[in-house]
Amino acid sequence: MTTSNTTAPTTHADPAAERLRRWRLVLGGGADGGDGTGCALGGTDAAMDRTLEALYGSAAAHGEARPRGAGLGGSAPRVARWLGDIRTYFPASVVQVMQRDAIDRLGLAAMLLEPEMLEAVEADVHLVGTLISLNRTMPEASKEAARTVVRKVVRDLEKRLTSRTRATLSGALDRSARTRRPRHHDIDWNRTIRANLKNYLPEYRTVVPERLVGYGRAAQSVKKEVVLCIDQSGSMAASVVYASVFGAVLASMRALDTRLVVFDTSVVDLTDQLSDPVDVLFGTQLGGGTDINRALAYCQSRITRPAETVVVLISDLYEGGIRNEMLKRVAAMKASGVQFVTLLALSDEGAPAYDRDHAAALAALGAPAFACTPDLFPEVMAAALEKRPLPIPGATA
């Protein structure tokens, strides 16, 4: 565990003593060094140790409601103080990990329904997922505080992702809209020169452009349709957050007609809320079963121009519906000209547990399933829009 913190820790000139101190903080064992290191802690180090013991101590690890000595217990004020302490002693990246562990190990999710608790936490994608999963049981007094937390995370994600996504996809849309009879200001001179190198006249040191290659005006009318079909089962929480932000970015581009659909055993079309990804997120209901076939049936019914449509299924592929019908539906969409992309996750955490048989069956249909980071997603979409091979992580040329 990283023990660097935002306040000045106890320092030791002796490297061996510093290593012992760090091992003591990792191993725990009480203020007297009962872990076997024989290293006693004081000052800031002792305070850091107490915050770690409350979460990772043996009593907390066994889920005792009232652990001996340390622990968070069932007291909201005590938890609020602990949340403040970890923000004092550890950097934000470590705070987020500890918050996530506290929610998973100690069942603190219910306490997040209290406004004062929401004010104490470090907001991140995983916290947003937890809040969305609690949306249906959240009291009215907490909803505005929860929306404030969610909006902060969404705003940060939009700053990180919007510019690159628009630039990448705008280029892809322009390239996909090339015309052989462009107006002068729409000529792609680089491609035109390459296409006419055989017409080079050495005596004049020039190329005769018999064939012009240009960009179409993709931005002036809708050229492509995108359907984001998102599994909202509990394991897909981070993917739902990122997909909602990307959906809003795509919907802001006039050259794209974007639809966003979330599903479990039912299907909900949230396209009319795409102007605000926070509304999209609070329109989801994380948890429940999964019926991919039903969701794809709905998406298929909304496709009007198959050859100009990209369908992105974001799911761990644990199908609770009719497996064979799901695969037939994917095959039918691809046969009609739809570009079909399957993402096992849209997050920074790599591939989750997923149904490998279904992934293999989709790959056999020409729709390989893979995990995608938010930074890679614009490139994946650009490739799909241009109908070229997808940049699958780890794939060899």
Protein backbone atom coordinates (compact mmCIF):
# COMPACT_ATOMS: atom_id res chain seq x y z
CA MET A 1 0.00 0.00 0.00
CA THR A 2 1.23 3.47 -0.82
CA THR A 3 1.75 5.50 2.30
CA SER A 4 2.65 8.88 0.81
CA ASN A 5 0.28 11.49 2.22
CA THR A 6 -0.75 15.08 1.88
CA THR A 7 0.60 16.05 5.30
CA ALA A 8 4.23 15.73 6.32
CA PRO A 9 4.84 12.21 7.69
CA THR A 10 7.39 11.29 10.27
CA THR A 11 10.72 11.14 8.44
CA HIS A 12 13.77 9.03 9.19
CA ALA A 13 17.29 9.76 8.04
CA ASP A 14 18.11 6.05 8.35
CA PRO A 15 16.82 4.18 5.22
CA ALA A 16 16.48 0.95 7.23
CA ALA A 17 14.32 2.72 9.82
CA GLU A 18 12.17 4.21 7.05
CA ARG A 19 11.64 0.78 5.49
CA LEU A 20 10.66 -0.59 8.92
CA ARG A 21 8.22 2.28 9.40
CA ARG A 22 6.57 1.58 6.06
CA TRP A 23 6.30 -2.15 6.80
CA ARG A 24 4.74 -1.27 10.15
CA LEU A 25 2.07 0.83 8.41
CA VAL A 26 1.38 -1.97 5.94
CA LEU A 27 1.20 -4.76 8.52
CA GLY A 28 -0.71 -2.95 11.27
CA GLY A 29 -0.62 -4.52 14.70
CA GLY A 30 -1.41 -1.79 17.21
CA ALA A 31 0.46 1.26 18.45
CA ASP A 32 3.09 -0.81 20.27
CA GLY A 33 4.38 -2.53 17.14
CA GLY A 34 2.64 -5.83 17.90
CA ASP A 35 3.00 -6.89 14.27
CA GLY A 36 6.51 -8.13 15.01
CA THR A 37 8.45 -5.21 13.58
CA GLY A 38 8.98 -3.69 17.01
CA CYS A 39 8.38 -0.26 15.46
CA ALA A 40 6.24 2.08 17.54
CA LEU A 41 4.42 4.92 15.79
CA GLY A 42 3.63 8.42 16.94
CA GLY A 43 2.20 11.68 15.67
CA THR A 44 0.95 11.65 12.08
CA ASP A 45 2.10 8.07 11.55
CA ALA A 46 -0.08 6.88 14.43
CA ALA A 47 -3.07 8.76 13.03
CA MET A 48 -2.52 7.22 9.59
CA ASP A 49 -2.28 3.80 11.21
CA ARG A 50 -5.64 4.29 12.95
CA THR A 51 -7.37 5.14 9.67
CA LEU A 52 -5.89 2.05 8.03
CA GLU A 53 -6.77 -0.18 10.99
CA ALA A 54 -10.39 0.98 10.90
CA LEU A 55 -10.74 -0.39 7.38
CA TYR A 56 -8.17 -3.16 7.06
CA GLY A 57 -7.81 -4.37 10.66
CA SER A 58 -8.80 -7.94 11.49
CA ALA A 59 -12.07 -6.92 13.16
CA ALA A 60 -13.14 -4.80 10.20
CA ALA A 61 -12.13 -7.52 7.76
CA HIS A 62 -14.52 -9.93 9.49
CA GLY A 63 -17.38 -7.46 9.28
CA GLU A 64 -17.89 -6.94 12.98
CA ALA A 65 -20.41 -4.17 13.56
CA ARG A 66 -18.66 -2.95 16.71
CA PRO A 67 -14.99 -3.91 16.30
CA ARG A 68 -12.65 -3.78 19.27
CA GLY A 69 -10.38 -0.76 19.30
CA ALA A 70 -10.52 0.54 15.75
CA GLY A 71 -13.18 0.15 13.10
CA LEU A 72 -15.92 2.32 11.67
CA GLY A 73 -18.82 0.74 13.48
CA GLY A 74 -22.30 1.80 12.51
CA SER A 75 -21.98 5.47 13.37
CA ALA A 76 -22.42 7.97 10.55
CA PRO A 77 -20.48 10.72 12.41
CA ARG A 78 -17.60 8.30 12.97
CA VAL A 79 -17.58 7.38 9.28
CA ALA A 80 -17.71 11.05 8.27
CA ARG A 81 -14.68 11.74 10.47
CA TRP A 82 -12.87 8.76 8.99
CA LEU A 83 -13.58 10.00 5.45
CA GLY A 84 -12.12 13.35 6.44
CA ASP A 85 -9.07 11.69 7.96
CA ILE A 86 -8.17 9.67 4.89
CA ARG A 87 -8.40 12.81 2.76
CA THR A 88 -5.97 14.46 5.19
CA TYR A 89 -3.40 11.68 5.25
CA PHE A 90 -3.52 10.21 1.74
CA PRO A 91 -3.53 11.48 -1.89
CA ALA A 92 -6.79 11.45 -3.88
CA SER A 93 -5.95 8.27 -5.82
CA VAL A 94 -5.46 6.32 -2.56
CA VAL A 95 -8.54 7.92 -0.98
CA GLN A 96 -10.68 6.62 -3.85
CA VAL A 97 -9.36 3.08 -3.39
CA MET A 98 -10.00 3.19 0.37
CA GLN A 99 -13.53 4.53 -0.11
CA ARG A 100 -14.26 1.74 -2.58
CA ASP A 101 -12.90 -0.86 -0.15
CA ALA A 102 -14.98 0.61 2.68
CA ILE A 103 -18.15 0.34 0.61
CA ASP A 104 -17.37 -3.25 -0.39
CA ARG A 105 -15.95 -4.54 2.92
CA LEU A 106 -18.00 -2.70 5.52
CA GLY A 107 -21.34 -2.15 3.82
CA LEU A 108 -21.20 1.64 3.96
CA ALA A 109 -23.36 2.19 0.88
CA ALA A 110 -26.46 2.97 2.95
CA MET A 111 -24.64 5.73 4.81
CA LEU A 112 -23.98 7.48 1.52
CA LEU A 113 -27.68 8.33 1.48
CA GLU A 114 -26.99 11.00 4.11
CA PRO A 115 -26.13 14.48 2.67
CA GLU A 116 -23.36 15.15 5.20
CA MET A 117 -21.68 11.90 4.18
CA LEU A 118 -21.76 12.84 0.51
CA GLU A 119 -20.01 16.09 1.33
CA ALA A 120 -17.11 14.17 2.91
CA VAL A 121 -16.33 11.70 0.12
CA GLU A 122 -13.84 11.98 -2.74
CA ALA A 123 -15.92 11.81 -5.91
CA ASP A 124 -14.92 9.36 -8.66
CA VAL A 125 -16.49 7.08 -11.25
CA HIS A 126 -16.95 4.21 -8.80
CA LEU A 127 -18.69 6.42 -6.26
CA VAL A 128 -21.04 7.60 -9.02
CA GLY A 129 -21.85 3.97 -9.81
CA THR A 130 -22.66 3.34 -6.14
CA LEU A 131 -24.89 6.42 -5.93
CA ILE A 132 -26.76 5.46 -9.10
CA SER A 133 -27.38 1.97 -7.71
CA LEU A 134 -28.90 3.61 -4.60
CA ASN A 135 -31.01 6.06 -6.60
CA ARG A 136 -34.33 4.28 -6.06
CA THR A 137 -33.91 4.15 -2.28
CA MET A 138 -32.36 7.59 -1.83
CA PRO A 139 -34.41 10.02 0.28
CA GLU A 140 -35.34 13.33 -1.31
CA ALA A 141 -33.08 15.22 1.12
CA SER A 142 -30.05 13.40 -0.30
CA LYS A 143 -30.85 13.50 -4.01
CA GLU A 144 -29.61 17.03 -4.66
CA ALA A 145 -26.35 16.33 -2.83
CA ALA A 146 -25.95 13.13 -4.85
CA ARG A 147 -26.59 14.97 -8.13
CA THR A 148 -23.94 17.53 -7.15
CA VAL A 149 -21.40 14.73 -6.64
CA VAL A 150 -22.36 13.05 -9.91
CA ARG A 151 -22.29 16.33 -11.85
CA LYS A 152 -18.76 17.07 -10.63
CA VAL A 153 -17.48 13.72 -11.87
CA VAL A 154 -19.34 14.07 -15.18
CA ARG A 155 -17.94 17.58 -15.70
CA ASP A 156 -14.40 16.32 -15.12
CA LEU A 157 -14.93 13.44 -17.55
CA GLU A 158 -16.33 15.76 -20.20
CA LYS A 159 -13.27 18.02 -19.93
CA ARG A 160 -11.03 14.99 -20.34
CA LEU A 161 -12.87 13.27 -23.19
CA THR A 162 -14.84 15.77 -25.28
CA SER A 163 -12.19 17.55 -27.36
CA ARG A 164 -10.38 14.42 -28.46
CA THR A 165 -13.60 12.57 -29.23
CA ARG A 166 -14.96 15.36 -31.41
CA ALA A 167 -11.67 15.85 -33.24
CA THR A 168 -11.21 12.13 -33.91
CA LEU A 169 -14.77 11.50 -35.04
CA SER A 170 -15.00 14.68 -37.12
CA GLY A 171 -12.00 13.50 -39.11
CA ALA A 172 -13.54 10.05 -39.53
CA LEU A 173 -16.84 11.53 -40.70
CA ASP A 174 -15.10 13.79 -43.20
CA ARG A 175 -13.10 10.89 -44.61
CA SER A 176 -16.17 8.68 -44.84
CA ALA A 177 -17.97 11.44 -46.78
CA ARG A 178 -15.36 11.89 -49.54
CA THR A 179 -16.68 12.78 -52.96
CA ARG A 180 -15.14 12.44 -56.41
CA ARG A 181 -16.49 15.82 -57.56
CA PRO A 182 -15.59 18.17 -54.74
CA ARG A 183 -15.85 21.92 -54.73
CA HIS A 184 -12.50 23.71 -54.74
CA HIS A 185 -12.46 24.41 -51.00
CA ASP A 186 -13.50 20.79 -50.24
CA ILE A 187 -10.56 19.18 -52.11
CA ASP A 188 -8.34 16.88 -50.06
CA TRP A 189 -5.09 17.89 -51.70
CA ASN A 190 -2.90 15.29 -50.03
CA ARG A 191 -5.02 12.40 -51.26
CA THR A 192 -5.59 14.04 -54.64
CA ILE A 193 -1.83 14.35 -55.25
CA ARG A 194 -1.23 10.75 -54.19
CA ALA A 195 -4.02 9.56 -56.49
CA ASN A 196 -2.49 11.41 -59.47
CA LEU A 197 1.24 10.81 -59.08
CA LYS A 198 1.20 8.78 -62.30
CA ASN A 199 0.31 12.05 -64.07
CA TYR A 200 3.45 13.86 -62.94
CA LEU A 201 5.01 16.01 -65.72
CA PRO A 202 8.77 16.36 -65.05
CA GLU A 203 9.24 19.19 -67.52
CA TYR A 204 6.65 21.29 -65.70
CA ARG A 205 7.40 19.84 -62.25
CA THR A 206 3.71 19.43 -61.59
CA VAL A 207 0.97 16.83 -61.26
CA VAL A 208 -2.06 16.91 -63.54
CA PRO A 209 -5.05 16.18 -61.24
CA GLU A 210 -7.25 14.09 -63.52
CA ARG A 211 -9.14 12.73 -60.48
CA LEU A 212 -10.05 14.96 -57.56
CA VAL A 213 -10.58 13.56 -54.06
CA GLY A 214 -12.41 15.73 -51.60
CA TYR A 215 -14.18 15.87 -48.28
CA GLY A 216 -17.94 15.93 -48.16
CA ARG A 217 -19.68 18.39 -45.90
CA ALA A 218 -20.36 15.91 -43.15
CA ALA A 219 -21.16 18.54 -40.57
CA GLN A 220 -24.09 20.02 -42.50
CA SER A 221 -26.34 16.97 -42.34
CA VAL A 222 -26.60 13.68 -40.51
CA LYS A 223 -24.33 11.17 -42.22
CA LYS A 224 -24.13 8.36 -39.68
CA GLU A 225 -26.31 6.82 -36.99
CA VAL A 226 -24.90 5.52 -33.69
CA VAL A 227 -26.76 3.30 -31.23
CA LEU A 228 -25.24 2.79 -27.78
CA CYS A 229 -26.83 -0.26 -26.15
CA ILE A 230 -25.70 -0.43 -22.51
CA ASP A 231 -26.06 -3.28 -20.05
CA GLN A 232 -27.03 -1.74 -16.70
CA SER A 233 -26.39 -4.79 -14.55
CA GLY A 234 -24.48 -3.99 -11.37
CA SER A 235 -21.09 -5.17 -12.67
CA MET A 236 -21.22 -2.60 -15.49
CA ALA A 237 -21.46 0.51 -13.28
CA ALA A 238 -18.26 2.25 -14.46
CA SER A 239 -19.10 1.46 -18.09
CA VAL A 240 -22.54 3.04 -17.69
CA VAL A 241 -20.95 6.24 -16.37
CA TYR A 242 -18.45 6.55 -19.23
CA ALA A 243 -20.97 5.54 -21.88
CA SER A 244 -23.41 8.20 -20.69
CA VAL A 245 -20.75 10.89 -21.04
CA PHE A 246 -19.70 9.65 -24.48
CA GLY A 247 -23.35 9.48 -25.51
CA ALA A 248 -23.80 13.15 -24.67
CA VAL A 249 -20.65 14.06 -26.62
CA LEU A 250 -21.76 12.09 -29.69
CA ALA A 251 -25.24 13.60 -29.50
CA SER A 252 -23.70 17.08 -29.63
CA MET A 253 -22.23 16.36 -33.10
CA ARG A 254 -24.61 17.35 -35.88
CA ALA A 255 -23.17 14.77 -38.26
CA LEU A 256 -24.30 11.95 -35.95
CA ASP A 257 -27.77 10.80 -34.99
CA THR A 258 -27.13 9.18 -31.60
CA ARG A 259 -29.45 6.90 -29.66
CA LEU A 260 -28.75 5.64 -26.13
CA VAL A 261 -30.53 2.56 -24.81
CA VAL A 262 -30.01 0.92 -21.40
CA PHE A 263 -31.29 -2.51 -20.46
CA ASP A 264 -31.51 -5.23 -17.88
CA THR A 265 -34.53 -7.53 -18.36
CA SER A 266 -36.39 -4.47 -19.66
CA VAL A 267 -35.32 -1.81 -22.15
CA VAL A 268 -35.30 1.96 -21.61
CA ASP A 269 -34.56 4.50 -24.35
CA LEU A 270 -32.85 7.55 -22.80
CA THR A 271 -32.12 9.35 -26.07
CA ASP A 272 -34.27 12.36 -25.16
CA GLN A 273 -32.08 12.96 -22.08
CA LEU A 274 -28.73 12.94 -23.90
CA SER A 275 -28.31 16.70 -23.54
CA ASP A 276 -27.42 16.07 -19.89
CA PRO A 277 -25.50 12.89 -18.97
CA VAL A 278 -26.44 13.39 -15.30
CA ASP A 279 -30.10 12.93 -16.27
CA VAL A 280 -29.10 9.84 -18.23
CA LEU A 281 -27.32 8.36 -15.23
CA PHE A 282 -30.23 8.99 -12.89
CA GLY A 283 -32.48 7.40 -15.51
CA THR A 284 -30.61 4.11 -15.21
CA GLN A 285 -31.25 1.44 -12.61
CA LEU A 286 -28.10 -0.54 -11.90
CA GLY A 287 -28.62 -4.16 -10.95
CA GLY A 288 -31.11 -6.81 -11.96
CA GLY A 289 -31.04 -9.40 -14.72
CA THR A 290 -29.97 -9.20 -18.35
CA ASP A 291 -31.83 -9.73 -21.62
CA ILE A 292 -29.46 -8.76 -24.43
CA ASN A 293 -31.68 -10.22 -27.12
CA ARG A 294 -34.62 -8.00 -26.14
CA ALA A 295 -32.38 -4.92 -26.08
CA LEU A 296 -30.92 -5.68 -29.51
CA ALA A 297 -34.40 -6.31 -30.88
CA TYR A 298 -35.39 -2.81 -29.79
CA CYS A 299 -32.24 -1.26 -31.26
CA GLN A 300 -32.71 -3.15 -34.53
CA SER A 301 -36.26 -1.84 -34.83
CA ARG A 302 -34.95 1.76 -34.67
CA ILE A 303 -32.35 1.40 -37.43
CA THR A 304 -33.41 3.18 -40.61
CA ARG A 305 -30.17 3.17 -42.62
CA PRO A 306 -28.25 -0.03 -41.83
CA ALA A 307 -25.26 0.72 -44.07
CA GLU A 308 -24.73 4.04 -42.26
CA THR A 309 -25.26 2.74 -38.71
CA VAL A 310 -22.90 1.70 -35.94
CA VAL A 311 -24.33 -0.33 -33.03
CA VAL A 312 -22.17 -0.48 -29.89
CA LEU A 313 -23.19 -3.16 -27.39
CA ILE A 314 -21.55 -2.63 -23.99
CA SER A 315 -22.09 -5.77 -21.90
CA ASP A 316 -20.34 -8.60 -20.06
CA LEU A 317 -22.50 -10.89 -22.26
CA TYR A 318 -24.10 -12.87 -19.44
CA GLU A 319 -27.34 -13.39 -21.34
CA GLY A 320 -30.52 -14.16 -19.47
CA GLY A 321 -32.61 -14.10 -22.63
CA ILE A 322 -32.55 -16.34 -25.69
CA ARG A 323 -28.93 -16.93 -26.68
CA ASN A 324 -29.49 -18.23 -30.22
CA GLU A 325 -31.91 -15.41 -31.01
CA MET A 326 -29.36 -12.86 -29.80
CA LEU A 327 -26.70 -14.28 -32.12
CA LYS A 328 -29.14 -14.46 -35.04
CA ARG A 329 -30.02 -10.82 -34.47
CA VAL A 330 -26.38 -9.75 -34.52
CA ALA A 331 -25.81 -11.76 -37.70
CA ALA A 332 -28.86 -10.16 -39.34
CA MET A 333 -27.72 -6.65 -38.46
CA LYS A 334 -24.25 -7.29 -39.85
CA ALA A 335 -25.70 -8.80 -43.02
CA SER A 336 -27.77 -5.66 -43.54
CA GLY A 337 -24.63 -3.51 -43.41
CA VAL A 338 -24.60 -2.44 -39.73
CA GLN A 339 -21.17 -2.02 -38.14
CA PHE A 340 -21.48 -3.96 -34.88
CA VAL A 341 -19.06 -3.33 -31.98
CA THR A 342 -19.08 -5.35 -28.73
CA LEU A 343 -17.35 -3.88 -25.68
CA LEU A 344 -17.03 -6.06 -22.59
CA ALA A 345 -16.30 -2.92 -20.59
CA LEU A 346 -15.81 0.79 -21.19
CA SER A 347 -13.56 1.68 -18.26
CA ASP A 348 -9.94 1.93 -17.13
CA GLU A 349 -10.04 -1.42 -15.36
CA GLY A 350 -9.65 -3.90 -18.22
CA ALA A 351 -11.91 -6.82 -19.04
CA PRO A 352 -14.29 -7.92 -16.26
CA ALA A 353 -15.64 -11.41 -15.82
CA TYR A 354 -17.63 -12.15 -18.97
CA ASP A 355 -19.32 -15.00 -20.83
CA ARG A 356 -16.51 -16.43 -22.95
CA ASP A 357 -18.78 -18.68 -25.02
CA HIS A 358 -20.88 -15.73 -26.12
CA ALA A 359 -17.76 -13.66 -26.82
CA ALA A 360 -16.37 -16.47 -29.01
CA ALA A 361 -19.68 -16.80 -30.85
CA LEU A 362 -19.77 -13.07 -31.59
CA ALA A 363 -16.16 -13.18 -32.80
CA ALA A 364 -17.14 -15.97 -35.20
CA LEU A 365 -19.78 -13.61 -36.61
CA GLY A 366 -17.14 -10.93 -37.22
CA ALA A 367 -18.02 -8.94 -34.09
CA PRO A 368 -15.10 -9.52 -31.70
CA ALA A 369 -15.74 -8.60 -28.06
CA PHE A 370 -13.06 -6.74 -26.12
CA ALA A 371 -12.59 -4.33 -23.23
CA CYS A 372 -12.01 -0.71 -24.16
CA THR A 373 -10.57 2.19 -22.17
CA PRO A 374 -12.19 5.62 -22.40
CA ASP A 375 -9.06 6.95 -24.12
CA LEU A 376 -9.31 4.29 -26.85
CA PHE A 377 -13.05 4.65 -27.44
CA PRO A 378 -12.81 7.58 -29.93
CA GLU A 379 -10.41 5.51 -32.09
CA VAL A 380 -12.76 2.52 -31.96
CA MET A 381 -15.70 4.68 -33.03
CA ALA A 382 -13.67 6.34 -35.80
CA ALA A 383 -12.70 2.93 -37.20
CA ALA A 384 -16.32 1.74 -37.07
CA LEU A 385 -17.58 4.88 -38.82
CA GLU A 386 -14.98 4.45 -41.56
CA LYS A 387 -15.67 0.69 -41.82
CA ARG A 388 -12.05 -0.26 -41.21
CA PRO A 389 -10.59 -2.84 -38.77
CA LEU A 390 -11.12 -1.97 -35.12
CA PRO A 391 -8.07 -1.15 -32.98
CA ILE A 392 -8.51 -4.10 -30.61
CA PRO A 393 -6.06 -4.00 -27.68
CA GLY A 394 -3.54 -6.82 -27.84
CA ALA A 395 -4.52 -7.83 -31.38
CA THR A 396 -1.70 -8.50 -33.85
CA ALA A 397 -1.75 -7.20 -37.41
